[in-house]
Every structure is written in C-alpha cells, then in structure tokens.
Amino acid sequence: VTWWQLDHVKSRPALRYLSHKGCVHSVAVCPSVNLVASGSADRSVRLWTPTLRGESSVLRAHQGAVRGLAFFPEGHRILSCGDDKLVKVWAVEAQRFVGSLTEHTNWVRSVCVSADGRT
C-alpha cells in the first residue's frame, strides 16, 4: 500500500507498507479516525495507522480475495466484500467479526455505506 500526500504532490510516495502476501484490490480511508484499511488477494484486511513504522493489524476476513472495503462514517465499523460472495461487518477497535450479509449469488466487488451509516 502506498500513501501519497496530495496537499503537495511529490515525486516519491510519503509512506509505503509491504505486508500483504497478495496483490491489494481495495483501500479505504476512515473519514473520522486516522486509519487506512487494505484488502488483498491473500484474503485478509489490514488496518493501518499511517505512520513511518507501518504497523498493521490483520483481520482474517474471507475465503477468497477481498475486493472492496468501506468504513462507516463514525469509523467504528468497516465492511469488507470479496470473491466468497459475502459482505462482512467488522468492529474496528475490537478487531472482531460482527456478522455477514449472505444473500449474494456471485462475488461482490464493491461496498459503500451511506452518510448516516444506516444503509
């Protein structure tokens, strides 16, 4: 995952994190907390605090590649989706699985959360 500072474009990225074992398919930036999530072909979601140390925590998320991510507006939960036909809800701070949305008949490529966090 490469983090760029867009307030002044530089020729080199500000931060680069190298922990996924597969290609990264999705990145989401939390709107309310200093946190970035990345989803990968390695079936995991990583939660990063964008610092020079590049430390992350891992959610063992799906049985297939993780294709999409979306934070809830308050930043306490995140959705992930992927090739296993599931959308999963995660509690960010506790780093625990909350539940699945299971009615999809094929892989799920993207997710989003409404501004009020209700849909």
PDB file of N, CA and C in Angstrom:
ATOM      1  N   VAL A   1       0.862  -1.168   0.000  1.00  0.00           N
ATOM      2  CA  VAL A   1       0.000   0.000   0.000  1.00  0.00           C
ATOM      3  C   VAL A   1       0.902   1.223   0.000  1.00  0.00           C
ATOM      4  N   THR A   2       0.631   2.132  -0.904  1.00  0.00           N
ATOM      5  CA  THR A   2       1.419   3.361  -1.000  1.00  0.00           C
ATOM      6  C   THR A   2       0.546   4.544  -0.615  1.00  0.00           C
ATOM      7  N   TRP A   3       1.056   5.373   0.257  1.00  0.00           N
ATOM      8  CA  TRP A   3       0.332   6.533   0.798  1.00  0.00           C
ATOM      9  C   TRP A   3       0.964   7.785   0.243  1.00  0.00           C
ATOM     10  N   TRP A   4       0.167   8.602  -0.465  1.00  0.00           N
ATOM     11  CA  TRP A   4       0.660   9.833  -1.072  1.00  0.00           C
ATOM     12  C   TRP A   4       0.105  11.033  -0.336  1.00  0.00           C
ATOM     13  N   GLN A   5       0.890  12.062  -0.167  1.00  0.00           N
ATOM     14  CA  GLN A   5       0.426  13.338   0.380  1.00  0.00           C
ATOM     15  C   GLN A   5      -0.050  14.182  -0.789  1.00  0.00           C
ATOM     16  N   LEU A   6      -1.333  14.473  -0.861  1.00  0.00           N
ATOM     17  CA  LEU A   6      -1.875  15.177  -2.019  1.00  0.00           C
ATOM     18  C   LEU A   6      -1.928  16.684  -1.854  1.00  0.00           C
ATOM     19  N   ASP A   7      -1.597  17.181  -0.655  1.00  0.00           N
ATOM     20  CA  ASP A   7      -1.601  18.634  -0.485  1.00  0.00           C
ATOM     21  C   ASP A   7      -0.453  19.284  -1.249  1.00  0.00           C
ATOM     22  N   HIS A   8       0.609  18.553  -1.487  1.00  0.00           N
ATOM     23  CA  HIS A   8       1.690  18.991  -2.360  1.00  0.00           C
ATOM     24  C   HIS A   8       2.281  17.735  -2.994  1.00  0.00           C
ATOM     25  N   VAL A   9       2.092  17.599  -4.281  1.00  0.00           N
ATOM     26  CA  VAL A   9       2.492  16.389  -4.991  1.00  0.00           C
ATOM     27  C   VAL A   9       4.016  16.306  -5.039  1.00  0.00           C
ATOM     28  N   LYS A  10       4.509  15.148  -4.622  1.00  0.00           N
ATOM     29  CA  LYS A  10       5.945  14.894  -4.644  1.00  0.00           C
ATOM     30  C   LYS A  10       6.227  13.793  -5.654  1.00  0.00           C
ATOM     31  N   SER A  11       7.456  13.656  -6.014  1.00  0.00           N
ATOM     32  CA  SER A  11       7.819  12.603  -6.950  1.00  0.00           C
ATOM     33  C   SER A  11       7.941  11.248  -6.266  1.00  0.00           C
ATOM     34  N   ARG A  12       7.959  11.245  -4.940  1.00  0.00           N
ATOM     35  CA  ARG A  12       8.073   9.991  -4.187  1.00  0.00           C
ATOM     36  C   ARG A  12       6.912   9.881  -3.209  1.00  0.00           C
ATOM     37  N   PRO A  13       6.429   8.662  -2.959  1.00  0.00           N
ATOM     38  CA  PRO A  13       5.328   8.496  -2.005  1.00  0.00           C
ATOM     39  C   PRO A  13       5.772   8.850  -0.588  1.00  0.00           C
ATOM     40  N   ALA A  14       4.806   9.279   0.221  1.00  0.00           N
ATOM     41  CA  ALA A  14       5.103   9.641   1.601  1.00  0.00           C
ATOM     42  C   ALA A  14       5.359   8.397   2.454  1.00  0.00           C
ATOM     43  N   LEU A  15       4.533   7.364   2.266  1.00  0.00           N
ATOM     44  CA  LEU A  15       4.661   6.132   3.050  1.00  0.00           C
ATOM     45  C   LEU A  15       4.394   4.930   2.153  1.00  0.00           C
ATOM     46  N   ARG A  16       5.045   3.819   2.433  1.00  0.00           N
ATOM     47  CA  ARG A  16       4.811   2.578   1.690  1.00  0.00           C
ATOM     48  C   ARG A  16       4.811   1.420   2.687  1.00  0.00           C
ATOM     49  N   TYR A  17       3.757   0.594   2.600  1.00  0.00           N
ATOM     50  CA  TYR A  17       3.598  -0.541   3.516  1.00  0.00           C
ATOM     51  C   TYR A  17       3.601  -1.837   2.719  1.00  0.00           C
ATOM     52  N   LEU A  18       4.399  -2.799   3.149  1.00  0.00           N
ATOM     53  CA  LEU A  18       4.578  -4.049   2.422  1.00  0.00           C
ATOM     54  C   LEU A  18       4.310  -5.240   3.330  1.00  0.00           C
ATOM     55  N   SER A  19       3.058  -5.576   3.569  1.00  0.00           N
ATOM     56  CA  SER A  19       2.752  -6.704   4.445  1.00  0.00           C
ATOM     57  C   SER A  19       1.819  -7.733   3.836  1.00  0.00           C
ATOM     58  N   HIS A  20       1.019  -7.355   2.856  1.00  0.00           N
ATOM     59  CA  HIS A  20       0.131  -8.336   2.231  1.00  0.00           C
ATOM     60  C   HIS A  20       0.951  -9.372   1.469  1.00  0.00           C
ATOM     61  N   LYS A  21       0.403 -10.588   1.407  1.00  0.00           N
ATOM     62  CA  LYS A  21       1.059 -11.677   0.671  1.00  0.00           C
ATOM     63  C   LYS A  21       0.532 -11.784  -0.756  1.00  0.00           C
ATOM     64  N   GLY A  22      -0.462 -10.999  -1.099  1.00  0.00           N
ATOM     65  CA  GLY A  22      -1.030 -10.987  -2.445  1.00  0.00           C
ATOM     66  C   GLY A  22      -1.269  -9.555  -2.877  1.00  0.00           C
ATOM     67  N   CYS A  23      -1.756  -9.385  -4.108  1.00  0.00           N
ATOM     68  CA  CYS A  23      -1.983  -8.032  -4.591  1.00  0.00           C
ATOM     69  C   CYS A  23      -3.130  -7.369  -3.827  1.00  0.00           C
ATOM     70  N   VAL A  24      -3.044  -6.063  -3.694  1.00  0.00           N
ATOM     71  CA  VAL A  24      -4.054  -5.276  -2.985  1.00  0.00           C
ATOM     72  C   VAL A  24      -5.136  -4.883  -3.989  1.00  0.00           C
ATOM     73  N   HIS A  25      -6.392  -5.214  -3.662  1.00  0.00           N
ATOM     74  CA  HIS A  25      -7.521  -4.912  -4.535  1.00  0.00           C
ATOM     75  C   HIS A  25      -8.313  -3.694  -4.079  1.00  0.00           C
ATOM     76  N   SER A  26      -8.193  -3.327  -2.802  1.00  0.00           N
ATOM     77  CA  SER A  26      -9.036  -2.252  -2.294  1.00  0.00           C
ATOM     78  C   SER A  26      -8.349  -1.530  -1.148  1.00  0.00           C
ATOM     79  N   VAL A  27      -8.600  -0.217  -1.090  1.00  0.00           N
ATOM     80  CA  VAL A  27      -8.109   0.610   0.010  1.00  0.00           C
ATOM     81  C   VAL A  27      -9.240   1.537   0.426  1.00  0.00           C
ATOM     82  N   ALA A  28      -9.394   1.743   1.730  1.00  0.00           N
ATOM     83  CA  ALA A  28     -10.385   2.691   2.250  1.00  0.00           C
ATOM     84  C   ALA A  28      -9.725   3.529   3.331  1.00  0.00           C
ATOM     85  N   VAL A  29     -10.047   4.813   3.337  1.00  0.00           N
ATOM     86  CA  VAL A  29      -9.543   5.734   4.350  1.00  0.00           C
ATOM     87  C   VAL A  29     -10.701   6.074   5.270  1.00  0.00           C
ATOM     88  N   CYS A  30     -10.481   5.934   6.562  1.00  0.00           N
ATOM     89  CA  CYS A  30     -11.527   6.218   7.539  1.00  0.00           C
ATOM     90  C   CYS A  30     -11.800   7.719   7.577  1.00  0.00           C
ATOM     91  N   PRO A  31     -13.079   8.120   7.506  1.00  0.00           N
ATOM     92  CA  PRO A  31     -13.389   9.549   7.490  1.00  0.00           C
ATOM     93  C   PRO A  31     -13.250  10.256   8.829  1.00  0.00           C
ATOM     94  N   SER A  32     -13.178   9.489   9.939  1.00  0.00           N
ATOM     95  CA  SER A  32     -13.192  10.144  11.249  1.00  0.00           C
ATOM     96  C   SER A  32     -12.026   9.769  12.157  1.00  0.00           C
ATOM     97  N   VAL A  33     -11.271   8.752  11.800  1.00  0.00           N
ATOM     98  CA  VAL A  33     -10.151   8.284  12.621  1.00  0.00           C
ATOM     99  C   VAL A  33      -8.940   8.155  11.699  1.00  0.00           C
ATOM    100  N   ASN A  34      -7.756   8.368  12.196  1.00  0.00           N
ATOM    101  CA  ASN A  34      -6.534   8.255  11.401  1.00  0.00           C
ATOM    102  C   ASN A  34      -6.228   6.779  11.146  1.00  0.00           C
ATOM    103  N   LEU A  35      -6.924   6.200  10.167  1.00  0.00           N
ATOM    104  CA  LEU A  35      -6.830   4.774   9.902  1.00  0.00           C
ATOM    105  C   LEU A  35      -7.059   4.512   8.417  1.00  0.00           C
ATOM    106  N   VAL A  36      -6.310   3.559   7.878  1.00  0.00           N
ATOM    107  CA  VAL A  36      -6.450   3.128   6.494  1.00  0.00           C
ATOM    108  C   VAL A  36      -6.626   1.620   6.501  1.00  0.00           C
ATOM    109  N   ALA A  37      -7.505   1.112   5.648  1.00  0.00           N
ATOM    110  CA  ALA A  37      -7.701  -0.332   5.513  1.00  0.00           C
ATOM    111  C   ALA A  37      -7.315  -0.749   4.106  1.00  0.00           C
ATOM    112  N   SER A  38      -6.758  -1.948   3.977  1.00  0.00           N
ATOM    113  CA  SER A  38      -6.447  -2.502   2.661  1.00  0.00           C
ATOM    114  C   SER A  38      -6.939  -3.935   2.605  1.00  0.00           C
ATOM    115  N   GLY A  39      -7.473  -4.316   1.448  1.00  0.00           N
ATOM    116  CA  GLY A  39      -7.971  -5.674   1.232  1.00  0.00           C
ATOM    117  C   GLY A  39      -7.195  -6.322   0.103  1.00  0.00           C
ATOM    118  N   SER A  40      -6.928  -7.618   0.237  1.00  0.00           N
ATOM    119  CA  SER A  40      -5.963  -8.247  -0.658  1.00  0.00           C
ATOM    120  C   SER A  40      -6.425  -9.608  -1.173  1.00  0.00           C
ATOM    121  N   ALA A  41      -5.721 -10.067  -2.213  1.00  0.00           N
ATOM    122  CA  ALA A  41      -5.904 -11.419  -2.721  1.00  0.00           C
ATOM    123  C   ALA A  41      -5.493 -12.462  -1.691  1.00  0.00           C
ATOM    124  N   ASP A  42      -4.749 -12.064  -0.664  1.00  0.00           N
ATOM    125  CA  ASP A  42      -4.363 -13.012   0.394  1.00  0.00           C
ATOM    126  C   ASP A  42      -5.497 -13.275   1.385  1.00  0.00           C
ATOM    127  N   ARG A  43      -6.709 -12.753   1.085  1.00  0.00           N
ATOM    128  CA  ARG A  43      -7.945 -12.979   1.846  1.00  0.00           C
ATOM    129  C   ARG A  43      -7.993 -12.220   3.159  1.00  0.00           C
ATOM    130  N   SER A  44      -7.139 -11.245   3.336  1.00  0.00           N
ATOM    131  CA  SER A  44      -7.096 -10.505   4.596  1.00  0.00           C
ATOM    132  C   SER A  44      -7.431  -9.031   4.397  1.00  0.00           C
ATOM    133  N   VAL A  45      -7.823  -8.414   5.502  1.00  0.00           N
ATOM    134  CA  VAL A  45      -7.958  -6.969   5.605  1.00  0.00           C
ATOM    135  C   VAL A  45      -6.910  -6.515   6.599  1.00  0.00           C
ATOM    136  N   ARG A  46      -6.141  -5.516   6.231  1.00  0.00           N
ATOM    137  CA  ARG A  46      -5.166  -4.937   7.156  1.00  0.00           C
ATOM    138  C   ARG A  46      -5.624  -3.541   7.527  1.00  0.00           C
ATOM    139  N   LEU A  47      -5.493  -3.232   8.817  1.00  0.00           N
ATOM    140  CA  LEU A  47      -5.822  -1.910   9.346  1.00  0.00           C
ATOM    141  C   LEU A  47      -4.513  -1.221   9.701  1.00  0.00           C
ATOM    142  N   TRP A  48      -4.265  -0.077   9.079  1.00  0.00           N
ATOM    143  CA  TRP A  48      -3.010   0.655   9.215  1.00  0.00           C
ATOM    144  C   TRP A  48      -3.253   2.001   9.884  1.00  0.00           C
ATOM    145  N   THR A  49      -2.345   2.385  10.761  1.00  0.00           N
ATOM    146  CA  THR A  49      -2.262   3.763  11.208  1.00  0.00           C
ATOM    147  C   THR A  49      -1.143   4.377  10.379  1.00  0.00           C
ATOM    148  N   PRO A  50      -1.448   5.372   9.559  1.00  0.00           N
ATOM    149  CA  PRO A  50      -0.425   5.880   8.632  1.00  0.00           C
ATOM    150  C   PRO A  50       0.716   6.608   9.342  1.00  0.00           C
ATOM    151  N   THR A  51       1.740   5.848   9.683  1.00  0.00           N
ATOM    152  CA  THR A  51       2.942   6.378  10.325  1.00  0.00           C
ATOM    153  C   THR A  51       4.162   5.803   9.615  1.00  0.00           C
ATOM    154  N   LEU A  52       5.322   6.301   9.950  1.00  0.00           N
ATOM    155  CA  LEU A  52       6.556   5.789   9.353  1.00  0.00           C
ATOM    156  C   LEU A  52       6.820   4.331   9.711  1.00  0.00           C
ATOM    157  N   ARG A  53       6.346   3.871  10.867  1.00  0.00           N
ATOM    158  CA  ARG A  53       6.601   2.499  11.304  1.00  0.00           C
ATOM    159  C   ARG A  53       5.835   1.484  10.472  1.00  0.00           C
ATOM    160  N   GLY A  54       4.698   1.864   9.918  1.00  0.00           N
ATOM    161  CA  GLY A  54       3.957   0.978   9.030  1.00  0.00           C
ATOM    162  C   GLY A  54       3.373  -0.244   9.696  1.00  0.00           C
ATOM    163  N   GLU A  55       2.967  -0.122  10.944  1.00  0.00           N
ATOM    164  CA  GLU A  55       2.396  -1.269  11.652  1.00  0.00           C
ATOM    165  C   GLU A  55       0.938  -1.458  11.258  1.00  0.00           C
ATOM    166  N   SER A  56       0.525  -2.720  11.221  1.00  0.00           N
ATOM    167  CA  SER A  56      -0.858  -3.013  10.876  1.00  0.00           C
ATOM    168  C   SER A  56      -1.360  -4.174  11.718  1.00  0.00           C
ATOM    169  N   SER A  57      -2.678  -4.255  11.821  1.00  0.00           N
ATOM    170  CA  SER A  57      -3.314  -5.420  12.404  1.00  0.00           C
ATOM    171  C   SER A  57      -4.064  -6.133  11.293  1.00  0.00           C
ATOM    172  N   VAL A  58      -4.278  -7.423  11.447  1.00  0.00           N
ATOM    173  CA  VAL A  58      -4.832  -8.247  10.378  1.00  0.00           C
ATOM    174  C   VAL A  58      -6.169  -8.824  10.787  1.00  0.00           C
ATOM    175  N   LEU A  59      -7.147  -8.677   9.885  1.00  0.00           N
ATOM    176  CA  LEU A  59      -8.417  -9.370  10.033  1.00  0.00           C
ATOM    177  C   LEU A  59      -8.411 -10.500   9.013  1.00  0.00           C
ATOM    178  N   ARG A  60      -8.509 -11.730   9.469  1.00  0.00           N
ATOM    179  CA  ARG A  60      -8.606 -12.876   8.565  1.00  0.00           C
ATOM    180  C   ARG A  60     -10.026 -12.888   8.055  1.00  0.00           C
ATOM    181  N   ALA A  61     -10.227 -12.310   6.897  1.00  0.00           N
ATOM    182  CA  ALA A  61     -11.535 -11.834   6.508  1.00  0.00           C
ATOM    183  C   ALA A  61     -12.377 -12.807   5.691  1.00  0.00           C
ATOM    184  N   HIS A  62     -11.858 -13.353   4.630  1.00  0.00           N
ATOM    185  CA  HIS A  62     -12.681 -14.055   3.655  1.00  0.00           C
ATOM    186  C   HIS A  62     -12.038 -15.353   3.205  1.00  0.00           C
ATOM    187  N   GLN A  63     -12.835 -16.170   2.510  1.00  0.00           N
ATOM    188  CA  GLN A  63     -12.346 -17.421   1.923  1.00  0.00           C
ATOM    189  C   GLN A  63     -11.831 -17.208   0.500  1.00  0.00           C
ATOM    190  N   GLY A  64     -11.918 -16.004   0.011  1.00  0.00           N
ATOM    191  CA  GLY A  64     -11.392 -15.629  -1.299  1.00  0.00           C
ATOM    192  C   GLY A  64     -10.818 -14.230  -1.200  1.00  0.00           C
ATOM    193  N   ALA A  65     -10.417 -13.690  -2.321  1.00  0.00           N
ATOM    194  CA  ALA A  65      -9.826 -12.350  -2.351  1.00  0.00           C
ATOM    195  C   ALA A  65     -10.797 -11.312  -1.799  1.00  0.00           C
ATOM    196  N   VAL A  66     -10.258 -10.338  -1.081  1.00  0.00           N
ATOM    197  CA  VAL A  66     -11.045  -9.200  -0.594  1.00  0.00           C
ATOM    198  C   VAL A  66     -11.028  -8.150  -1.701  1.00  0.00           C
ATOM    199  N   ARG A  67     -12.229  -7.771  -2.184  1.00  0.00           N
ATOM    200  CA  ARG A  67     -12.334  -6.877  -3.339  1.00  0.00           C
ATOM    201  C   ARG A  67     -12.769  -5.465  -3.001  1.00  0.00           C
ATOM    202  N   GLY A  68     -13.437  -5.266  -1.872  1.00  0.00           N
ATOM    203  CA  GLY A  68     -13.926  -3.934  -1.546  1.00  0.00           C
ATOM    204  C   GLY A  68     -13.974  -3.698  -0.053  1.00  0.00           C
ATOM    205  N   LEU A  69     -13.853  -2.426   0.323  1.00  0.00           N
ATOM    206  CA  LEU A  69     -13.879  -2.014   1.728  1.00  0.00           C
ATOM    207  C   LEU A  69     -14.609  -0.685   1.846  1.00  0.00           C
ATOM    208  N   ALA A  70     -15.288  -0.489   2.963  1.00  0.00           N
ATOM    209  CA  ALA A  70     -15.920   0.809   3.230  1.00  0.00           C
ATOM    210  C   ALA A  70     -16.067   0.987   4.731  1.00  0.00           C
ATOM    211  N   PHE A  71     -15.583   2.112   5.239  1.00  0.00           N
ATOM    212  CA  PHE A  71     -15.763   2.456   6.645  1.00  0.00           C
ATOM    213  C   PHE A  71     -17.148   3.053   6.863  1.00  0.00           C
ATOM    214  N   PHE A  72     -17.722   2.793   8.011  1.00  0.00           N
ATOM    215  CA  PHE A  72     -18.902   3.525   8.452  1.00  0.00           C
ATOM    216  C   PHE A  72     -18.443   4.940   8.808  1.00  0.00           C
ATOM    217  N   PRO A  73     -19.333   5.928   8.715  1.00  0.00           N
ATOM    218  CA  PRO A  73     -18.917   7.323   8.940  1.00  0.00           C
ATOM    219  C   PRO A  73     -18.237   7.580  10.287  1.00  0.00           C
ATOM    220  N   GLU A  74     -18.671   6.908  11.339  1.00  0.00           N
ATOM    221  CA  GLU A  74     -18.080   7.158  12.656  1.00  0.00           C
ATOM    222  C   GLU A  74     -16.734   6.449  12.845  1.00  0.00           C
ATOM    223  N   GLY A  75     -16.389   5.538  11.922  1.00  0.00           N
ATOM    224  CA  GLY A  75     -15.093   4.870  11.956  1.00  0.00           C
ATOM    225  C   GLY A  75     -14.996   3.672  12.872  1.00  0.00           C
ATOM    226  N   HIS A  76     -16.068   3.285  13.526  1.00  0.00           N
ATOM    227  CA  HIS A  76     -16.014   2.167  14.468  1.00  0.00           C
ATOM    228  C   HIS A  76     -16.253   0.820  13.810  1.00  0.00           C
ATOM    229  N   ARG A  77     -16.800   0.836  12.584  1.00  0.00           N
ATOM    230  CA  ARG A  77     -17.054  -0.402  11.858  1.00  0.00           C
ATOM    231  C   ARG A  77     -16.587  -0.250  10.414  1.00  0.00           C
ATOM    232  N   ILE A  78     -16.337  -1.407   9.793  1.00  0.00           N
ATOM    233  CA  ILE A  78     -15.943  -1.434   8.384  1.00  0.00           C
ATOM    234  C   ILE A  78     -16.627  -2.614   7.715  1.00  0.00           C
ATOM    235  N   LEU A  79     -16.974  -2.444   6.438  1.00  0.00           N
ATOM    236  CA  LEU A  79     -17.489  -3.527   5.612  1.00  0.00           C
ATOM    237  C   LEU A  79     -16.365  -4.042   4.732  1.00  0.00           C
ATOM    238  N   SER A  80     -16.350  -5.359   4.500  1.00  0.00           N
ATOM    239  CA  SER A  80     -15.453  -5.949   3.510  1.00  0.00           C
ATOM    240  C   SER A  80     -16.289  -6.860   2.623  1.00  0.00           C
ATOM    241  N   CYS A  81     -15.841  -7.031   1.384  1.00  0.00           N
ATOM    242  CA  CYS A  81     -16.543  -7.936   0.472  1.00  0.00           C
ATOM    243  C   CYS A  81     -15.517  -8.638  -0.394  1.00  0.00           C
ATOM    244  N   GLY A  82     -15.962  -9.754  -1.011  1.00  0.00           N
ATOM    245  CA  GLY A  82     -14.995 -10.465  -1.812  1.00  0.00           C
ATOM    246  C   GLY A  82     -15.534 -11.578  -2.666  1.00  0.00           C
ATOM    247  N   ASP A  83     -14.606 -12.392  -3.125  1.00  0.00           N
ATOM    248  CA  ASP A  83     -14.910 -13.480  -4.039  1.00  0.00           C
ATOM    249  C   ASP A  83     -15.720 -14.603  -3.398  1.00  0.00           C
ATOM    250  N   ASP A  84     -15.842 -14.622  -2.085  1.00  0.00           N
ATOM    251  CA  ASP A  84     -16.617 -15.663  -1.408  1.00  0.00           C
ATOM    252  C   ASP A  84     -18.111 -15.332  -1.326  1.00  0.00           C
ATOM    253  N   LYS A  85     -18.555 -14.274  -2.032  1.00  0.00           N
ATOM    254  CA  LYS A  85     -19.955 -13.874  -2.131  1.00  0.00           C
ATOM    255  C   LYS A  85     -20.502 -13.260  -0.847  1.00  0.00           C
ATOM    256  N   LEU A  86     -19.625 -12.837   0.044  1.00  0.00           N
ATOM    257  CA  LEU A  86     -20.048 -12.296   1.333  1.00  0.00           C
ATOM    258  C   LEU A  86     -19.682 -10.820   1.474  1.00  0.00           C
ATOM    259  N   VAL A  87     -20.534 -10.119   2.219  1.00  0.00           N
ATOM    260  CA  VAL A  87     -20.201  -8.811   2.751  1.00  0.00           C
ATOM    261  C   VAL A  87     -20.124  -9.001   4.252  1.00  0.00           C
ATOM    262  N   LYS A  88     -19.008  -8.627   4.851  1.00  0.00           N
ATOM    263  CA  LYS A  88     -18.818  -8.825   6.290  1.00  0.00           C
ATOM    264  C   LYS A  88     -18.700  -7.487   7.004  1.00  0.00           C
ATOM    265  N   VAL A  89     -19.218  -7.468   8.219  1.00  0.00           N
ATOM    266  CA  VAL A  89     -19.147  -6.287   9.075  1.00  0.00           C
ATOM    267  C   VAL A  89     -18.143  -6.587  10.185  1.00  0.00           C
ATOM    268  N   TRP A  90     -17.256  -5.624  10.436  1.00  0.00           N
ATOM    269  CA  TRP A  90     -16.199  -5.771  11.437  1.00  0.00           C
ATOM    270  C   TRP A  90     -16.238  -4.606  12.420  1.00  0.00           C
ATOM    271  N   ALA A  91     -15.982  -4.902  13.687  1.00  0.00           N
ATOM    272  CA  ALA A  91     -15.770  -3.865  14.703  1.00  0.00           C
ATOM    273  C   ALA A  91     -14.292  -3.501  14.646  1.00  0.00           C
ATOM    274  N   VAL A  92     -13.999  -2.261  14.325  1.00  0.00           N
ATOM    275  CA  VAL A  92     -12.614  -1.849  14.065  1.00  0.00           C
ATOM    276  C   VAL A  92     -11.765  -1.898  15.335  1.00  0.00           C
ATOM    277  N   GLU A  93     -12.195  -1.227  16.386  1.00  0.00           N
ATOM    278  CA  GLU A  93     -11.369  -1.141  17.596  1.00  0.00           C
ATOM    279  C   GLU A  93     -11.137  -2.505  18.233  1.00  0.00           C
ATOM    280  N   ALA A  94     -12.186  -3.326  18.305  1.00  0.00           N
ATOM    281  CA  ALA A  94     -12.063  -4.666  18.893  1.00  0.00           C
ATOM    282  C   ALA A  94     -11.444  -5.659  17.917  1.00  0.00           C
ATOM    283  N   GLN A  95     -11.394  -5.297  16.625  1.00  0.00           N
ATOM    284  CA  GLN A  95     -10.884  -6.167  15.577  1.00  0.00           C
ATOM    285  C   GLN A  95     -11.578  -7.515  15.602  1.00  0.00           C
ATOM    286  N   ARG A  96     -12.914  -7.443  15.630  1.00  0.00           N
ATOM    287  CA  ARG A  96     -13.683  -8.688  15.661  1.00  0.00           C
ATOM    288  C   ARG A  96     -14.783  -8.664  14.613  1.00  0.00           C
ATOM    289  N   PHE A  97     -15.145  -9.858  14.178  1.00  0.00           N
ATOM    290  CA  PHE A  97     -16.199 -10.064  13.213  1.00  0.00           C
ATOM    291  C   PHE A  97     -17.554  -9.807  13.870  1.00  0.00           C
ATOM    292  N   VAL A  98     -18.430  -9.056  13.210  1.00  0.00           N
ATOM    293  CA  VAL A  98     -19.758  -8.743  13.740  1.00  0.00           C
ATOM    294  C   VAL A  98     -20.832  -9.587  13.060  1.00  0.00           C
ATOM    295  N   GLY A  99     -20.760  -9.725  11.734  1.00  0.00           N
ATOM    296  CA  GLY A  99     -21.763 -10.505  11.016  1.00  0.00           C
ATOM    297  C   GLY A  99     -21.553 -10.456   9.522  1.00  0.00           C
ATOM    298  N   SER A 100     -22.356 -11.262   8.791  1.00  0.00           N
ATOM    299  CA  SER A 100     -22.261 -11.342   7.336  1.00  0.00           C
ATOM    300  C   SER A 100     -23.596 -11.026   6.686  1.00  0.00           C
ATOM    301  N   LEU A 101     -23.526 -10.464   5.497  1.00  0.00           N
ATOM    302  CA  LEU A 101     -24.677 -10.294   4.613  1.00  0.00           C
ATOM    303  C   LEU A 101     -24.500 -11.346   3.522  1.00  0.00           C
ATOM    304  N   THR A 102     -25.407 -12.317   3.471  1.00  0.00           N
ATOM    305  CA  THR A 102     -25.130 -13.558   2.745  1.00  0.00           C
ATOM    306  C   THR A 102     -25.992 -13.822   1.516  1.00  0.00           C
ATOM    307  N   GLU A 103     -26.820 -12.919   1.089  1.00  0.00           N
ATOM    308  CA  GLU A 103     -27.762 -13.212   0.005  1.00  0.00           C
ATOM    309  C   GLU A 103     -27.211 -12.985  -1.403  1.00  0.00           C
ATOM    310  N   HIS A 104     -25.926 -12.775  -1.560  1.00  0.00           N
ATOM    311  CA  HIS A 104     -25.348 -12.554  -2.885  1.00  0.00           C
ATOM    312  C   HIS A 104     -25.172 -13.889  -3.605  1.00  0.00           C
ATOM    313  N   THR A 105     -25.412 -13.904  -4.910  1.00  0.00           N
ATOM    314  CA  THR A 105     -25.305 -15.141  -5.682  1.00  0.00           C
ATOM    315  C   THR A 105     -23.998 -15.249  -6.464  1.00  0.00           C
ATOM    316  N   ASN A 106     -23.176 -14.212  -6.397  1.00  0.00           N
ATOM    317  CA  ASN A 106     -21.884 -14.228  -7.065  1.00  0.00           C
ATOM    318  C   ASN A 106     -20.925 -13.361  -6.257  1.00  0.00           C
ATOM    319  N   TRP A 107     -19.679 -13.259  -6.683  1.00  0.00           N
ATOM    320  CA  TRP A 107     -18.701 -12.469  -5.945  1.00  0.00           C
ATOM    321  C   TRP A 107     -19.175 -11.028  -5.816  1.00  0.00           C
ATOM    322  N   VAL A 108     -18.666 -10.358  -4.798  1.00  0.00           N
ATOM    323  CA  VAL A 108     -19.030  -8.972  -4.531  1.00  0.00           C
ATOM    324  C   VAL A 108     -17.774  -8.126  -4.725  1.00  0.00           C
ATOM    325  N   ARG A 109     -17.852  -7.136  -5.602  1.00  0.00           N
ATOM    326  CA  ARG A 109     -16.680  -6.353  -5.978  1.00  0.00           C
ATOM    327  C   ARG A 109     -16.534  -5.034  -5.240  1.00  0.00           C
ATOM    328  N   SER A 110     -17.631  -4.477  -4.716  1.00  0.00           N
ATOM    329  CA  SER A 110     -17.505  -3.207  -4.013  1.00  0.00           C
ATOM    330  C   SER A 110     -18.626  -3.059  -2.989  1.00  0.00           C
ATOM    331  N   VAL A 111     -18.386  -2.206  -2.015  1.00  0.00           N
ATOM    332  CA  VAL A 111     -19.363  -1.893  -0.975  1.00  0.00           C
ATOM    333  C   VAL A 111     -19.281  -0.403  -0.680  1.00  0.00           C
ATOM    334  N   CYS A 112     -20.366   0.137  -0.136  1.00  0.00           N
ATOM    335  CA  CYS A 112     -20.333   1.506   0.349  1.00  0.00           C
ATOM    336  C   CYS A 112     -21.322   1.628   1.503  1.00  0.00           C
ATOM    337  N   VAL A 113     -21.163   2.661   2.282  1.00  0.00           N
ATOM    338  CA  VAL A 113     -22.019   2.919   3.435  1.00  0.00           C
ATOM    339  C   VAL A 113     -22.583   4.320   3.273  1.00  0.00           C
ATOM    340  N   SER A 114     -23.879   4.467   3.539  1.00  0.00           N
ATOM    341  CA  SER A 114     -24.496   5.793   3.430  1.00  0.00           C
ATOM    342  C   SER A 114     -23.929   6.752   4.457  1.00  0.00           C
ATOM    343  N   ALA A 115     -24.128   8.034   4.235  1.00  0.00           N
ATOM    344  CA  ALA A 115     -23.581   9.065   5.119  1.00  0.00           C
ATOM    345  C   ALA A 115     -24.097   8.946   6.557  1.00  0.00           C
ATOM    346  N   ASP A 116     -25.322   8.423   6.724  1.00  0.00           N
ATOM    347  CA  ASP A 116     -25.853   8.249   8.089  1.00  0.00           C
ATOM    348  C   ASP A 116     -25.485   6.894   8.687  1.00  0.00           C
ATOM    349  N   GLY A 117     -24.821   6.026   7.929  1.00  0.00           N
ATOM    350  CA  GLY A 117     -24.375   4.736   8.423  1.00  0.00           C
ATOM    351  C   GLY A 117     -25.469   3.694   8.579  1.00  0.00           C
ATOM    352  N   ARG A 118     -26.665   3.979   8.063  1.00  0.00           N
ATOM    353  CA  ARG A 118     -27.791   3.066   8.262  1.00  0.00           C
ATOM    354  C   ARG A 118     -28.010   2.114   7.096  1.00  0.00           C
ATOM    355  N   THR A 119     -27.514   2.467   5.915  1.00  0.00           N
ATOM    356  CA  THR A 119     -27.682   1.581   4.751  1.00  0.00           C
ATOM    357  C   THR A 119     -26.408   1.493   3.950  1.00  0.00           C
TER     358      THR A 119
END
